[in-house]
Amino acid sequence: MAEDSSSSQSFLRRHWEGYKEFWGERFSFLDNYSRFIKRDKPLPSWSDSDVEEFIASDPLHGPTVFPFFFPVQIYLICLLFI
């Protein structure tokens, strides 16, 4: 019985390693972005005032951010009253 479990682990491990290798080759372009994705120190989170300042300061992208930012604020306020 112990042989069966060790052989099944090696069977699963072999297929898992093959799976990782297969997809690793296809997504190797993500290595170019690893310095942005895998940071040592995470980016600071934005406060509400930071978002509002960005909306006011950027005439092109600011109005695009507002429709997404406002419902999130409403949702968070509703969570406080639940």
N, C-alpha and C. Protein backbone atom coordinates (compact mmCIF):
# COMPACT_ATOMS: atom_id res chain seq x y z
N MET A 1 0.82 -1.19 0.00
CA MET A 1 0.00 0.00 0.00
C MET A 1 0.87 1.26 0.00
N ALA A 2 1.98 1.20 0.74
CA ALA A 2 2.87 2.36 0.76
C ALA A 2 3.49 2.60 -0.61
N GLU A 3 3.75 1.52 -1.34
CA GLU A 3 4.30 1.66 -2.69
C GLU A 3 3.30 2.36 -3.61
N ASP A 4 2.01 2.02 -3.45
CA ASP A 4 0.99 2.63 -4.30
C ASP A 4 0.91 4.13 -4.07
N SER A 5 0.96 4.56 -2.80
CA SER A 5 0.86 5.98 -2.51
C SER A 5 2.11 6.73 -2.99
N SER A 6 3.29 6.11 -2.85
CA SER A 6 4.50 6.79 -3.32
C SER A 6 4.54 6.84 -4.85
N SER A 7 4.06 5.78 -5.50
CA SER A 7 4.04 5.79 -6.96
C SER A 7 2.99 6.78 -7.48
N SER A 8 1.86 6.91 -6.76
CA SER A 8 0.85 7.87 -7.20
C SER A 8 1.35 9.30 -6.99
N GLN A 9 2.11 9.52 -5.91
CA GLN A 9 2.68 10.85 -5.71
C GLN A 9 3.66 11.17 -6.83
N SER A 10 4.49 10.22 -7.18
CA SER A 10 5.45 10.48 -8.24
C SER A 10 4.72 10.67 -9.57
N PHE A 11 3.63 9.92 -9.78
CA PHE A 11 2.83 10.08 -10.99
C PHE A 11 2.25 11.50 -11.06
N LEU A 12 1.65 11.94 -9.95
CA LEU A 12 1.08 13.28 -9.91
C LEU A 12 2.17 14.34 -10.02
N ARG A 13 3.28 14.11 -9.33
CA ARG A 13 4.38 15.08 -9.37
C ARG A 13 4.93 15.21 -10.79
N ARG A 14 5.08 14.09 -11.49
CA ARG A 14 5.59 14.13 -12.87
C ARG A 14 4.67 14.93 -13.76
N HIS A 15 3.37 14.68 -13.63
CA HIS A 15 2.42 15.41 -14.47
C HIS A 15 2.36 16.88 -14.08
N TRP A 16 2.47 17.16 -12.79
CA TRP A 16 2.47 18.56 -12.35
C TRP A 16 3.69 19.29 -12.89
N GLU A 17 4.85 18.66 -12.82
CA GLU A 17 6.07 19.28 -13.35
C GLU A 17 5.94 19.51 -14.86
N GLY A 18 5.37 18.54 -15.58
CA GLY A 18 5.15 18.70 -17.01
C GLY A 18 4.19 19.84 -17.31
N TYR A 19 3.14 19.94 -16.50
CA TYR A 19 2.16 21.01 -16.66
C TYR A 19 2.82 22.37 -16.44
N LYS A 20 3.62 22.49 -15.37
CA LYS A 20 4.30 23.76 -15.09
C LYS A 20 5.26 24.12 -16.21
N GLU A 21 6.00 23.14 -16.72
CA GLU A 21 6.95 23.40 -17.80
C GLU A 21 6.22 23.85 -19.06
N PHE A 22 5.12 23.18 -19.39
CA PHE A 22 4.34 23.50 -20.58
C PHE A 22 3.86 24.95 -20.55
N TRP A 23 3.22 25.34 -19.44
CA TRP A 23 2.69 26.69 -19.36
C TRP A 23 3.77 27.71 -19.07
N GLY A 24 4.86 27.30 -18.43
CA GLY A 24 5.97 28.21 -18.20
C GLY A 24 6.60 28.67 -19.50
N GLU A 25 6.68 27.77 -20.48
CA GLU A 25 7.22 28.14 -21.79
C GLU A 25 6.30 29.13 -22.50
N ARG A 26 5.00 28.93 -22.37
CA ARG A 26 4.06 29.79 -23.08
C ARG A 26 3.90 31.17 -22.43
N PHE A 27 4.13 31.24 -21.15
CA PHE A 27 4.01 32.52 -20.45
C PHE A 27 5.38 33.07 -20.05
N SER A 28 6.42 32.71 -20.77
CA SER A 28 7.76 33.19 -20.44
C SER A 28 7.88 34.69 -20.62
N PHE A 29 7.02 35.30 -21.43
CA PHE A 29 7.07 36.75 -21.61
C PHE A 29 6.77 37.49 -20.31
N LEU A 30 6.12 36.83 -19.34
CA LEU A 30 5.82 37.47 -18.06
C LEU A 30 7.08 37.73 -17.24
N ASP A 31 8.18 37.05 -17.58
CA ASP A 31 9.44 37.31 -16.88
C ASP A 31 9.88 38.75 -17.08
N ASN A 32 9.49 39.36 -18.20
CA ASN A 32 9.83 40.76 -18.45
C ASN A 32 9.15 41.68 -17.45
N TYR A 33 8.02 41.25 -16.89
CA TYR A 33 7.25 42.08 -15.97
C TYR A 33 7.46 41.70 -14.51
N SER A 34 8.37 40.79 -14.23
CA SER A 34 8.52 40.32 -12.86
C SER A 34 8.97 41.43 -11.91
N ARG A 35 9.71 42.41 -12.41
CA ARG A 35 10.12 43.50 -11.51
C ARG A 35 8.93 44.35 -11.08
N PHE A 36 7.84 44.33 -11.86
CA PHE A 36 6.64 45.07 -11.47
C PHE A 36 5.69 44.20 -10.66
N ILE A 37 5.64 42.91 -10.96
CA ILE A 37 4.70 42.01 -10.31
C ILE A 37 5.22 41.54 -8.95
N LYS A 38 6.49 41.16 -8.89
CA LYS A 38 7.09 40.61 -7.67
C LYS A 38 7.96 41.68 -7.01
N ARG A 39 7.34 42.62 -6.36
CA ARG A 39 8.07 43.71 -5.72
C ARG A 39 8.53 43.29 -4.32
N ASP A 40 9.68 43.84 -3.92
CA ASP A 40 10.14 43.63 -2.55
C ASP A 40 9.27 44.42 -1.58
N LYS A 41 8.96 45.64 -1.96
CA LYS A 41 8.14 46.51 -1.13
C LYS A 41 6.89 46.88 -1.93
N PRO A 42 5.69 46.54 -1.45
CA PRO A 42 4.48 46.82 -2.22
C PRO A 42 4.22 48.33 -2.35
N LEU A 43 3.49 48.69 -3.37
CA LEU A 43 3.12 50.08 -3.56
C LEU A 43 2.17 50.51 -2.45
N PRO A 44 2.25 51.76 -2.02
CA PRO A 44 1.32 52.22 -0.99
C PRO A 44 -0.10 52.29 -1.55
N SER A 45 -1.07 52.03 -0.70
CA SER A 45 -2.46 52.09 -1.16
C SER A 45 -2.90 53.54 -1.29
N TRP A 46 -3.85 53.77 -2.17
CA TRP A 46 -4.35 55.11 -2.41
C TRP A 46 -5.49 55.41 -1.45
N SER A 47 -5.47 56.61 -0.90
CA SER A 47 -6.58 57.04 -0.05
C SER A 47 -7.65 57.69 -0.93
N ASP A 48 -8.79 57.99 -0.35
CA ASP A 48 -9.85 58.65 -1.11
C ASP A 48 -9.40 60.00 -1.64
N SER A 49 -8.63 60.73 -0.83
CA SER A 49 -8.17 62.05 -1.29
C SER A 49 -7.18 61.92 -2.45
N ASP A 50 -6.37 60.86 -2.45
CA ASP A 50 -5.45 60.63 -3.58
C ASP A 50 -6.24 60.40 -4.87
N VAL A 51 -7.29 59.60 -4.79
CA VAL A 51 -8.09 59.30 -5.97
C VAL A 51 -8.80 60.56 -6.46
N GLU A 52 -9.37 61.31 -5.55
CA GLU A 52 -10.06 62.55 -5.94
C GLU A 52 -9.08 63.55 -6.54
N GLU A 53 -7.87 63.62 -6.02
CA GLU A 53 -6.85 64.51 -6.58
C GLU A 53 -6.48 64.07 -8.00
N PHE A 54 -6.36 62.77 -8.22
CA PHE A 54 -6.05 62.27 -9.56
C PHE A 54 -7.19 62.59 -10.53
N ILE A 55 -8.42 62.39 -10.10
CA ILE A 55 -9.57 62.68 -10.96
C ILE A 55 -9.58 64.15 -11.35
N ALA A 56 -9.27 65.02 -10.40
CA ALA A 56 -9.28 66.46 -10.68
C ALA A 56 -8.09 66.88 -11.53
N SER A 57 -6.95 66.23 -11.38
CA SER A 57 -5.73 66.69 -12.06
C SER A 57 -5.56 66.13 -13.47
N ASP A 58 -6.15 64.98 -13.77
CA ASP A 58 -5.94 64.36 -15.08
C ASP A 58 -7.19 64.54 -15.94
N PRO A 59 -7.13 65.44 -16.93
CA PRO A 59 -8.34 65.70 -17.73
C PRO A 59 -8.74 64.54 -18.64
N LEU A 60 -7.80 63.67 -18.98
CA LEU A 60 -8.12 62.57 -19.89
C LEU A 60 -8.62 61.33 -19.14
N HIS A 61 -7.86 60.89 -18.15
CA HIS A 61 -8.19 59.64 -17.45
C HIS A 61 -9.00 59.87 -16.18
N GLY A 62 -8.97 61.05 -15.63
CA GLY A 62 -9.71 61.34 -14.41
C GLY A 62 -11.19 61.08 -14.53
N PRO A 63 -11.85 61.61 -15.58
CA PRO A 63 -13.29 61.34 -15.73
C PRO A 63 -13.61 59.86 -15.93
N THR A 64 -12.65 59.09 -16.42
CA THR A 64 -12.87 57.65 -16.60
C THR A 64 -12.83 56.93 -15.26
N VAL A 65 -12.01 57.40 -14.35
CA VAL A 65 -11.86 56.76 -13.04
C VAL A 65 -13.08 57.02 -12.17
N PHE A 66 -13.66 58.21 -12.27
CA PHE A 66 -14.76 58.60 -11.38
C PHE A 66 -15.93 57.62 -11.39
N PRO A 67 -16.45 57.19 -12.57
CA PRO A 67 -17.60 56.26 -12.53
C PRO A 67 -17.30 54.94 -11.83
N PHE A 68 -16.05 54.53 -11.79
CA PHE A 68 -15.69 53.29 -11.11
C PHE A 68 -15.42 53.52 -9.63
N PHE A 69 -14.95 54.70 -9.29
CA PHE A 69 -14.59 55.01 -7.91
C PHE A 69 -15.83 55.26 -7.06
N PHE A 70 -16.80 55.98 -7.59
CA PHE A 70 -17.99 56.35 -6.83
C PHE A 70 -18.79 55.14 -6.35
N PRO A 71 -19.11 54.16 -7.22
CA PRO A 71 -19.86 52.98 -6.72
C PRO A 71 -19.11 52.18 -5.66
N VAL A 72 -17.80 52.16 -5.74
CA VAL A 72 -17.02 51.46 -4.71
C VAL A 72 -17.20 52.15 -3.37
N GLN A 73 -17.20 53.47 -3.37
CA GLN A 73 -17.41 54.20 -2.13
C GLN A 73 -18.80 53.90 -1.55
N ILE A 74 -19.81 53.90 -2.40
CA ILE A 74 -21.18 53.61 -1.95
C ILE A 74 -21.26 52.20 -1.36
N TYR A 75 -20.63 51.25 -2.04
CA TYR A 75 -20.63 49.86 -1.57
C TYR A 75 -19.97 49.76 -0.20
N LEU A 76 -18.84 50.43 -0.02
CA LEU A 76 -18.14 50.36 1.27
C LEU A 76 -18.96 51.01 2.38
N ILE A 77 -19.65 52.09 2.06
CA ILE A 77 -20.51 52.74 3.05
C ILE A 77 -21.66 51.81 3.44
N CYS A 78 -22.24 51.13 2.45
CA CYS A 78 -23.33 50.19 2.73
C CYS A 78 -22.86 49.03 3.61
N LEU A 79 -21.63 48.60 3.42
CA LEU A 79 -21.10 47.52 4.25
C LEU A 79 -21.01 47.92 5.72
N LEU A 80 -20.79 49.21 5.97
CA LEU A 80 -20.69 49.68 7.35
C LEU A 80 -22.02 49.54 8.09
N PHE A 81 -23.13 49.66 7.36
CA PHE A 81 -24.45 49.63 7.99
C PHE A 81 -25.08 48.25 8.03
N ILE A 82 -24.39 47.27 7.51
CA ILE A 82 -24.94 45.90 7.53
C ILE A 82 -24.61 45.24 8.85
